[in-house]
N, C-alpha and C. Protein backbone atom coordinates (compact mmCIF):
# COMPACT_ATOMS: atom_id res chain seq x y z
N ALA A 1 53.38 60.37 53.55
CA ALA A 1 53.25 60.79 54.74
C ALA A 1 53.34 59.80 55.91
N ARG A 2 53.80 59.98 56.91
CA ARG A 2 53.89 58.97 58.33
C ARG A 2 52.60 59.57 58.96
N LEU A 3 51.40 58.67 59.24
CA LEU A 3 50.41 59.23 59.81
C LEU A 3 50.44 58.05 61.24
N PRO A 4 50.18 59.04 62.39
CA PRO A 4 50.18 58.36 63.73
C PRO A 4 48.62 57.90 63.83
N ALA A 5 48.50 56.56 64.31
CA ALA A 5 46.97 56.07 64.79
C ALA A 5 46.15 57.35 65.60
N PRO A 6 44.83 57.63 64.98
CA PRO A 6 44.03 58.62 65.64
C PRO A 6 43.75 58.18 67.14
N GLU A 7 43.16 58.93 67.71
CA GLU A 7 42.59 58.77 68.84
C GLU A 7 41.53 57.82 68.60
N GLY A 8 40.81 57.08 69.89
CA GLY A 8 39.86 56.04 69.70
C GLY A 8 40.57 54.66 69.51
N SER A 9 39.16 53.84 69.29
CA SER A 9 39.50 52.16 69.25
C SER A 9 40.58 52.12 67.99
N ALA A 10 41.18 50.85 68.04
CA ALA A 10 41.72 50.41 66.63
C ALA A 10 40.86 50.40 65.33
N GLN A 11 39.53 50.07 65.22
CA GLN A 11 38.66 50.23 64.34
C GLN A 11 38.23 51.61 64.33
N GLU A 12 38.00 52.57 64.90
CA GLU A 12 37.85 53.92 64.47
C GLU A 12 39.14 54.65 64.07
N ALA A 13 40.39 54.15 64.49
CA ALA A 13 41.25 54.64 63.81
C ALA A 13 41.68 54.44 62.58
N GLY A 14 41.61 53.15 62.18
CA GLY A 14 41.37 52.55 60.72
C GLY A 14 40.68 53.15 59.71
N PHE A 15 39.01 53.09 60.62
CA PHE A 15 38.26 53.82 60.03
C PHE A 15 38.90 55.43 59.33
N SER A 16 39.24 56.19 60.28
CA SER A 16 39.66 57.54 60.13
C SER A 16 40.95 57.62 59.09
N ILE A 17 41.87 56.64 59.10
CA ILE A 17 42.73 56.62 58.18
C ILE A 17 42.50 56.04 56.71
N ARG A 18 41.53 55.21 56.62
CA ARG A 18 41.21 54.85 55.17
C ARG A 18 40.31 56.08 54.93
N ARG A 19 39.49 56.85 55.67
CA ARG A 19 38.65 57.76 54.99
C ARG A 19 39.68 59.11 54.62
N VAL A 20 40.88 59.50 55.17
CA VAL A 20 41.81 60.38 54.73
C VAL A 20 42.40 59.73 53.31
N ARG A 21 42.70 58.61 53.40
CA ARG A 21 43.05 57.86 52.30
C ARG A 21 42.01 58.13 51.08
N ASP A 22 40.80 57.65 51.18
CA ASP A 22 39.60 58.12 50.15
C ASP A 22 39.56 59.38 49.78
N ASN A 23 39.61 60.13 50.67
CA ASN A 23 39.13 61.67 50.37
C ASN A 23 40.57 61.98 49.15
N LEU A 24 41.87 61.77 49.49
CA LEU A 24 43.01 62.20 49.00
C LEU A 24 42.74 61.19 47.54
N GLN A 25 42.33 60.07 47.34
CA GLN A 25 42.19 59.46 46.14
C GLN A 25 41.30 60.41 45.12
N GLN A 26 40.50 61.12 45.66
CA GLN A 26 39.26 62.06 44.83
C GLN A 26 40.02 63.24 44.60
N ALA A 27 41.24 63.64 45.26
CA ALA A 27 41.80 64.90 45.09
C ALA A 27 42.35 65.29 43.42
N SER A 28 42.15 66.11 42.93
CA SER A 28 42.41 66.62 41.89
C SER A 28 44.17 66.31 41.75
N GLY A 29 44.29 65.76 40.53
CA GLY A 29 46.13 65.24 40.23
C GLY A 29 46.37 64.07 40.82
N VAL A 30 45.57 63.19 41.62
CA VAL A 30 46.21 62.39 42.11
C VAL A 30 45.80 60.98 41.64
N ARG A 31 46.74 60.31 41.02
CA ARG A 31 46.48 58.99 40.44
C ARG A 31 46.32 57.86 41.09
N SER A 32 46.93 57.41 42.29
CA SER A 32 46.51 56.63 43.19
C SER A 32 47.03 56.77 44.39
N VAL A 33 46.65 55.98 45.48
CA VAL A 33 47.04 56.29 46.99
C VAL A 33 46.61 54.77 47.32
N ALA A 34 47.87 54.61 48.36
CA ALA A 34 48.25 53.41 49.09
C ALA A 34 48.44 53.53 50.56
N LEU A 35 48.07 52.64 51.58
CA LEU A 35 48.49 52.64 52.68
C LEU A 35 49.52 51.42 52.85
N ALA A 36 50.38 51.75 53.84
CA ALA A 36 51.24 50.43 53.95
C ALA A 36 51.99 50.77 55.40
N ASP A 37 52.79 49.87 55.79
CA ASP A 37 53.45 49.96 57.26
C ASP A 37 54.79 50.56 57.02
N GLY A 38 55.20 50.77 56.02
CA GLY A 38 56.56 51.23 55.19
C GLY A 38 56.46 51.76 54.02
N MET A 39 57.70 52.48 53.67
CA MET A 39 57.83 53.08 52.30
C MET A 39 58.93 52.26 51.59
N PRO A 40 58.96 52.49 50.19
CA PRO A 40 60.22 51.96 49.60
C PRO A 40 61.53 52.12 50.15
N VAL A 41 61.59 53.42 50.48
CA VAL A 41 62.93 54.07 51.07
C VAL A 41 62.78 54.59 52.22
N ASP A 42 62.52 53.99 53.69
CA ASP A 42 62.18 54.47 54.83
C ASP A 42 63.35 54.25 55.72
N PHE A 43 64.19 53.34 55.15
CA PHE A 43 65.22 52.89 56.09
C PHE A 43 65.02 52.51 57.77
N ASP A 44 64.07 51.79 57.39
CA ASP A 44 63.23 50.78 58.82
C ASP A 44 63.66 49.29 58.33
N TYR A 45 64.28 48.97 59.06
CA TYR A 45 65.06 47.55 59.38
C TYR A 45 63.65 46.70 59.20
N ARG A 46 63.12 46.04 58.22
CA ARG A 46 62.21 45.10 58.14
C ARG A 46 62.39 43.84 57.39
N ASN A 47 63.93 43.31 57.81
CA ASN A 47 64.24 42.08 56.83
C ASN A 47 63.77 40.83 57.98
N PHE A 48 63.35 40.00 57.32
CA PHE A 48 63.00 38.50 58.16
C PHE A 48 63.50 37.37 56.95
N ARG A 49 63.67 36.32 57.62
CA ARG A 49 64.07 35.33 57.03
C ARG A 49 62.45 34.17 56.49
N ILE A 50 62.93 34.01 55.13
CA ILE A 50 61.62 33.22 54.65
C ILE A 50 62.20 31.80 53.69
N ALA A 51 61.24 31.05 53.56
CA ALA A 51 61.74 29.88 53.05
C ALA A 51 60.60 29.34 52.48
N ARG A 52 60.80 28.02 51.40
CA ARG A 52 59.75 27.52 50.46
C ARG A 52 59.37 26.40 52.06
N THR A 53 57.87 26.17 51.63
CA THR A 53 57.42 25.52 52.78
C THR A 53 58.24 24.05 52.71
N SER A 54 58.69 23.66 51.90
CA SER A 54 59.07 22.05 51.54
C SER A 54 60.79 22.25 51.60
N ASP A 55 61.17 23.05 52.13
CA ASP A 55 62.75 23.54 51.93
C ASP A 55 63.19 24.21 53.34
N ALA A 56 64.47 23.72 53.91
CA ALA A 56 64.66 24.13 55.34
C ALA A 56 65.76 25.46 54.67
N ARG A 57 66.07 25.56 53.39
CA ARG A 57 66.89 26.42 53.08
C ARG A 57 65.89 27.90 53.14
N PHE A 58 66.71 28.92 53.40
CA PHE A 58 66.05 30.61 53.48
C PHE A 58 66.61 31.32 53.09
N ALA A 59 65.93 32.31 52.86
CA ALA A 59 66.35 33.85 52.11
C ALA A 59 66.09 34.88 53.08
N THR A 60 66.71 35.86 52.91
CA THR A 60 66.17 37.14 54.17
C THR A 60 65.63 38.07 52.89
N ALA A 61 64.59 38.88 53.52
CA ALA A 61 63.60 39.46 52.63
C ALA A 61 62.92 40.66 53.42
N HIS A 62 62.88 41.70 52.69
CA HIS A 62 62.44 42.88 53.21
C HIS A 62 60.99 42.85 53.54
N VAL A 63 60.19 42.83 54.50
CA VAL A 63 58.73 42.51 54.69
C VAL A 63 58.09 43.95 54.78
N THR A 64 57.08 44.31 54.32
CA THR A 64 56.36 45.35 53.77
C THR A 64 54.67 44.88 53.79
N HIS A 65 53.95 45.48 54.88
CA HIS A 65 52.36 45.07 54.95
C HIS A 65 51.74 46.36 54.12
N VAL A 66 50.84 45.96 52.97
CA VAL A 66 50.15 46.81 51.99
C VAL A 66 48.94 46.54 51.96
N GLY A 67 48.31 47.97 51.79
CA GLY A 67 47.15 48.01 51.37
C GLY A 67 47.05 47.96 49.74
N GLU A 68 45.64 47.92 49.25
CA GLU A 68 45.65 47.91 47.90
C GLU A 68 45.87 48.96 47.20
N ASN A 69 46.31 48.82 45.71
CA ASN A 69 47.03 49.84 45.29
C ASN A 69 48.56 50.12 45.34
N PHE A 70 49.17 49.41 46.03
CA PHE A 70 50.76 49.64 46.53
C PHE A 70 51.50 49.78 45.36
N LEU A 71 51.74 48.71 44.40
CA LEU A 71 52.49 48.49 43.54
C LEU A 71 52.32 49.64 42.36
N GLU A 72 51.12 49.97 41.86
CA GLU A 72 50.83 51.14 41.19
C GLU A 72 51.07 52.04 41.84
N THR A 73 51.16 52.48 43.15
CA THR A 73 51.64 53.72 43.67
C THR A 73 52.87 54.23 43.67
N VAL A 74 53.73 52.96 44.19
CA VAL A 74 54.98 53.18 44.29
C VAL A 74 55.82 53.27 42.76
N GLY A 75 54.93 52.56 41.66
CA GLY A 75 55.59 52.65 40.35
C GLY A 75 56.44 51.12 40.21
N ALA A 76 55.71 50.30 40.85
CA ALA A 76 56.32 49.01 40.45
C ALA A 76 55.37 48.30 39.52
N THR A 77 55.96 47.40 38.88
CA THR A 77 55.01 46.53 38.03
C THR A 77 54.69 45.29 38.44
N LEU A 78 53.73 44.58 38.56
CA LEU A 78 53.10 43.64 38.69
C LEU A 78 53.51 42.66 37.25
N LEU A 79 54.23 41.61 37.36
CA LEU A 79 54.95 40.63 36.46
C LEU A 79 53.76 39.61 36.05
N ARG A 80 53.38 38.89 37.29
CA ARG A 80 52.53 37.87 37.12
C ARG A 80 51.58 37.79 38.12
N GLY A 81 50.56 36.87 38.15
CA GLY A 81 49.50 36.78 38.88
C GLY A 81 48.43 38.22 39.34
N ARG A 82 48.33 38.30 40.41
CA ARG A 82 47.84 39.59 41.24
C ARG A 82 48.24 40.33 42.07
N THR A 83 47.62 41.42 42.69
CA THR A 83 48.29 42.36 43.74
C THR A 83 47.33 41.94 44.83
N ILE A 84 47.76 42.70 45.84
CA ILE A 84 47.09 42.71 47.28
C ILE A 84 46.05 43.31 47.11
N THR A 85 44.79 42.87 47.44
CA THR A 85 43.37 43.57 47.45
C THR A 85 42.51 43.77 48.84
N VAL A 86 41.71 44.57 48.57
CA VAL A 86 41.01 44.70 49.95
C VAL A 86 40.39 43.58 50.51
N GLU A 87 40.08 42.59 49.67
CA GLU A 87 39.26 41.40 50.16
C GLU A 87 40.53 40.65 51.00
N ASP A 88 41.49 40.92 50.60
CA ASP A 88 42.68 39.94 51.41
C ASP A 88 42.71 40.62 52.58
N ARG A 89 42.81 41.87 52.56
CA ARG A 89 42.79 42.70 54.15
C ARG A 89 41.66 42.00 55.18
N VAL A 90 40.39 42.28 54.15
CA VAL A 90 39.34 42.02 55.33
C VAL A 90 39.23 40.78 55.75
N ALA A 91 39.40 39.42 54.79
CA ALA A 91 39.66 38.53 55.21
C ALA A 91 40.64 37.71 56.09
N ALA A 92 41.57 38.54 56.06
CA ALA A 92 42.95 38.24 56.87
C ALA A 92 43.58 37.03 55.96
N ALA A 93 43.64 37.34 54.98
CA ALA A 93 43.87 36.35 53.84
C ALA A 93 45.64 35.99 54.06
N ARG A 94 46.00 34.81 53.97
CA ARG A 94 47.42 34.63 54.25
C ARG A 94 48.17 34.70 52.62
N VAL A 95 48.01 35.54 51.99
CA VAL A 95 48.76 35.85 50.53
C VAL A 95 49.87 36.49 50.49
N ALA A 96 50.69 36.55 49.58
CA ALA A 96 51.67 37.66 49.29
C ALA A 96 52.13 37.60 47.90
N VAL A 97 52.74 38.72 47.64
CA VAL A 97 53.13 39.14 46.36
C VAL A 97 54.75 39.21 46.66
N VAL A 98 55.39 38.45 45.98
CA VAL A 98 57.11 38.53 45.99
C VAL A 98 57.69 39.45 44.89
N SER A 99 58.79 39.75 45.21
CA SER A 99 59.56 40.41 43.93
C SER A 99 60.10 39.55 43.29
N ALA A 100 60.42 39.93 42.06
CA ALA A 100 61.15 38.90 41.25
C ALA A 100 62.57 38.38 41.82
N PRO A 101 63.35 39.18 42.40
CA PRO A 101 64.59 38.84 42.87
C PRO A 101 64.54 37.66 43.93
N LEU A 102 63.36 37.91 44.75
CA LEU A 102 62.81 36.70 45.67
C LEU A 102 62.51 35.69 45.29
N ALA A 103 61.56 35.79 44.35
CA ALA A 103 61.05 34.69 43.53
C ALA A 103 62.27 33.75 43.01
N THR A 104 62.98 34.50 42.40
CA THR A 104 64.14 33.56 41.76
C THR A 104 64.75 32.83 42.85
N GLN A 105 65.31 33.46 44.06
CA GLN A 105 66.03 33.02 45.06
C GLN A 105 65.23 31.77 45.48
N LEU A 106 64.08 31.88 45.78
CA LEU A 106 63.04 30.60 46.45
C LEU A 106 62.71 29.56 45.35
N PHE A 107 62.43 29.81 44.06
CA PHE A 107 61.63 29.21 43.09
C PHE A 107 62.55 29.20 41.89
N PRO A 108 63.75 28.89 41.65
CA PRO A 108 64.49 29.04 40.57
C PRO A 108 64.30 28.61 39.27
N ALA A 109 63.34 27.36 39.38
CA ALA A 109 62.85 26.54 37.96
C ALA A 109 61.12 26.35 37.95
N ALA A 110 60.74 26.96 39.12
CA ALA A 110 59.33 26.38 39.23
C ALA A 110 58.28 27.65 39.24
N GLU A 111 57.00 27.36 38.95
CA GLU A 111 56.03 28.39 38.72
C GLU A 111 55.74 28.76 40.16
N ARG A 112 56.02 30.14 40.24
CA ARG A 112 56.05 30.69 41.52
C ARG A 112 54.44 31.03 42.08
N ILE A 113 53.41 31.45 41.45
CA ILE A 113 51.97 31.70 41.81
C ILE A 113 51.76 30.29 42.39
N GLY A 114 51.14 30.16 43.30
CA GLY A 114 50.40 29.27 44.18
C GLY A 114 51.30 28.74 44.82
N GLU A 115 52.68 28.89 45.03
CA GLU A 115 53.87 28.13 45.88
C GLU A 115 53.06 28.79 47.24
N ARG A 116 53.86 27.90 48.19
CA ARG A 116 53.79 28.39 49.59
C ARG A 116 55.10 28.85 50.30
N VAL A 117 55.13 29.60 51.05
CA VAL A 117 56.32 30.13 51.87
C VAL A 117 56.31 30.22 53.11
N LYS A 118 57.06 30.18 54.09
CA LYS A 118 56.89 30.37 55.26
C LYS A 118 57.83 31.44 55.88
N LEU A 119 57.27 32.03 56.77
CA LEU A 119 57.90 33.24 57.32
C LEU A 119 57.41 33.45 58.89
N THR A 120 59.04 33.87 59.84
CA THR A 120 58.63 34.24 61.14
C THR A 120 58.73 35.64 61.20
N LEU A 121 57.38 36.16 61.44
CA LEU A 121 57.67 37.88 61.82
C LEU A 121 57.85 38.13 63.43
N ASP A 122 57.49 39.42 63.61
CA ASP A 122 57.70 39.98 64.92
C ASP A 122 57.28 39.06 66.28
N ASP A 123 56.11 38.49 65.80
CA ASP A 123 55.53 37.72 66.98
C ASP A 123 56.17 36.72 67.47
N GLY A 124 57.13 35.89 66.49
CA GLY A 124 57.84 34.82 66.80
C GLY A 124 57.22 33.55 66.24
N VAL A 125 56.09 33.73 65.93
CA VAL A 125 55.06 32.40 65.39
C VAL A 125 55.23 32.18 63.63
N GLU A 126 55.70 31.27 63.23
CA GLU A 126 55.91 30.94 61.74
C GLU A 126 54.61 30.93 61.11
N GLN A 127 54.28 31.48 60.32
CA GLN A 127 53.00 31.75 59.38
C GLN A 127 53.52 31.17 57.97
N GLU A 128 52.14 30.54 57.08
CA GLU A 128 52.80 30.32 56.00
C GLU A 128 51.76 31.20 54.80
N PHE A 129 52.33 31.37 53.85
CA PHE A 129 51.51 32.72 52.75
C PHE A 129 51.57 31.91 51.53
N THR A 130 50.35 32.14 50.68
CA THR A 130 50.41 31.62 49.40
C THR A 130 50.60 32.57 48.37
N ILE A 131 51.99 32.69 47.29
CA ILE A 131 52.40 33.37 46.49
C ILE A 131 51.00 33.75 45.82
N VAL A 132 50.64 35.09 45.41
CA VAL A 132 49.43 35.44 44.58
C VAL A 132 50.12 36.13 43.42
N GLY A 133 51.24 36.66 43.59
CA GLY A 133 51.88 37.58 42.41
C GLY A 133 53.39 37.79 42.64
N VAL A 134 53.66 38.11 41.45
CA VAL A 134 55.33 38.21 41.17
C VAL A 134 55.41 39.72 40.77
N SER A 135 56.13 40.73 41.42
CA SER A 135 56.25 42.02 41.21
C SER A 135 57.53 42.24 40.42
N SER A 136 58.05 43.51 39.96
CA SER A 136 59.20 43.91 39.52
C SER A 136 60.10 44.22 40.79
N ASP A 137 61.25 44.30 40.68
CA ASP A 137 62.22 44.75 41.56
C ASP A 137 61.77 46.29 41.70
N PHE A 138 62.02 46.87 43.02
CA PHE A 138 61.91 48.10 43.02
C PHE A 138 62.46 48.56 44.39
N ALA A 139 63.00 49.90 44.46
CA ALA A 139 63.87 50.60 45.57
C ALA A 139 63.24 50.07 46.81
N THR A 140 64.22 49.91 47.75
CA THR A 140 63.92 49.66 49.27
C THR A 140 65.15 50.37 49.88
N SER A 141 64.99 50.41 51.41
CA SER A 141 66.11 50.97 52.34
C SER A 141 67.13 49.78 52.15
N GLN A 142 66.96 48.87 51.44
CA GLN A 142 68.29 47.74 51.14
C GLN A 142 69.13 48.30 50.16
N LEU A 143 70.16 49.48 50.29
CA LEU A 143 70.88 49.93 49.25
C LEU A 143 71.91 49.01 48.44
N THR A 144 71.22 47.95 47.98
CA THR A 144 72.02 46.76 47.39
C THR A 144 71.46 46.95 45.93
N THR A 145 71.83 45.85 45.28
CA THR A 145 71.68 45.64 44.04
C THR A 145 70.39 44.27 43.92
N GLU A 146 70.67 43.47 45.17
CA GLU A 146 69.69 42.45 45.46
C GLU A 146 68.65 42.75 46.41
N ARG A 147 67.07 43.10 45.98
CA ARG A 147 66.35 43.50 46.74
C ARG A 147 65.00 42.70 47.27
N PRO A 148 65.39 41.45 47.50
CA PRO A 148 64.18 40.43 47.88
C PRO A 148 63.16 40.90 48.70
N GLN A 149 61.93 41.19 48.16
CA GLN A 149 60.79 41.69 49.22
C GLN A 149 59.65 40.84 48.98
N ILE A 150 59.05 41.04 50.05
CA ILE A 150 57.87 40.26 50.20
C ILE A 150 56.62 41.21 50.79
N LEU A 151 55.48 41.20 49.89
CA LEU A 151 54.24 42.07 50.46
C LEU A 151 53.38 41.21 51.00
N LEU A 152 52.56 41.60 52.28
CA LEU A 152 51.55 40.86 52.83
C LEU A 152 50.51 41.86 52.78
N PRO A 153 49.24 41.47 53.11
CA PRO A 153 48.23 42.49 53.25
C PRO A 153 48.27 43.09 54.70
N LEU A 154 47.80 44.50 54.63
CA LEU A 154 47.85 45.34 55.60
C LEU A 154 46.94 44.83 56.44
N PRO A 155 46.97 44.30 57.59
CA PRO A 155 45.65 43.96 58.64
C PRO A 155 44.92 45.08 58.55
N GLU A 156 43.36 44.56 58.92
CA GLU A 156 42.23 45.26 59.27
C GLU A 156 42.56 46.24 60.39
N THR A 157 43.05 45.65 61.51
CA THR A 157 43.71 46.55 62.52
C THR A 157 45.11 47.08 62.36
N LEU A 158 44.90 48.56 61.95
CA LEU A 158 46.38 48.75 61.64
C LEU A 158 47.36 49.27 62.54
N ALA A 159 48.67 49.44 62.13
CA ALA A 159 49.59 49.31 63.15
C ALA A 159 49.48 50.76 63.75
N ARG A 160 50.47 50.96 64.93
CA ARG A 160 50.60 52.35 65.49
C ARG A 160 50.55 53.48 64.45
N THR A 161 51.57 53.03 63.65
CA THR A 161 51.98 54.19 62.43
C THR A 161 51.80 53.81 61.19
N VAL A 162 51.18 54.20 60.37
CA VAL A 162 51.13 53.86 58.61
C VAL A 162 51.79 54.68 57.94
N TYR A 163 51.83 54.33 56.56
CA TYR A 163 52.35 55.42 55.97
C TYR A 163 51.11 55.86 54.83
N LEU A 164 50.88 57.21 54.36
CA LEU A 164 49.83 57.07 53.48
C LEU A 164 50.37 57.49 52.08
N ILE A 165 50.56 56.93 51.08
CA ILE A 165 51.75 57.35 50.17
C ILE A 165 50.91 57.53 48.55
N ALA A 166 51.04 58.57 47.95
CA ALA A 166 50.27 58.89 46.79
C ALA A 166 51.09 59.23 45.47
N ARG A 167 50.71 59.17 44.25
CA ARG A 167 51.30 59.14 43.26
C ARG A 167 50.50 60.15 42.27
N GLY A 168 50.95 61.22 41.99
CA GLY A 168 50.34 62.18 41.26
C GLY A 168 50.03 61.58 39.66
N ALA A 169 48.83 62.27 38.95
CA ALA A 169 48.82 61.78 37.70
C ALA A 169 49.67 62.45 36.88
N PRO A 170 50.27 61.93 35.52
CA PRO A 170 50.99 62.45 34.75
C PRO A 170 50.66 63.65 33.98
N GLY A 171 51.60 64.80 34.12
CA GLY A 171 51.41 66.02 34.02
C GLY A 171 50.93 67.23 34.94
N ASP A 172 50.73 66.58 35.99
CA ASP A 172 50.38 67.49 37.42
C ASP A 172 51.56 67.55 38.20
């Protein structure tokens, strides 16, 4: 579900949306719930240039800011490392999970966990992120076979609109 930010301060809005997420997580038949600024197939254009910090060559990747449990909720597998956690959001950590296609493009022969990448987002400021995990490939609005993706922590102050994503328990 696409959720507009509730009225009030950014802090109050974030608290309200997280309360909705937590309540849904407790509902019968729900296996996992996550918040994100986009859905796997939402047809929003969120492609940005990304490069290794030590290299001028770049790739284009689909960028999504996600909360905890995102990979589990969308049905993607964590292949190596770890996923985005609540601690990353609260600490405003500059960490990232990259999809296997992006990891292969950027680091064909290297260990990806711990590597650093640079990315310029909407604000035009180049930022560096440390790769903490590599996920399997999963669907996006990029209707191609190559779907390089990077997942960044959803900020403490949520965007004006976020998605509440839920996965049902098997058999429900």
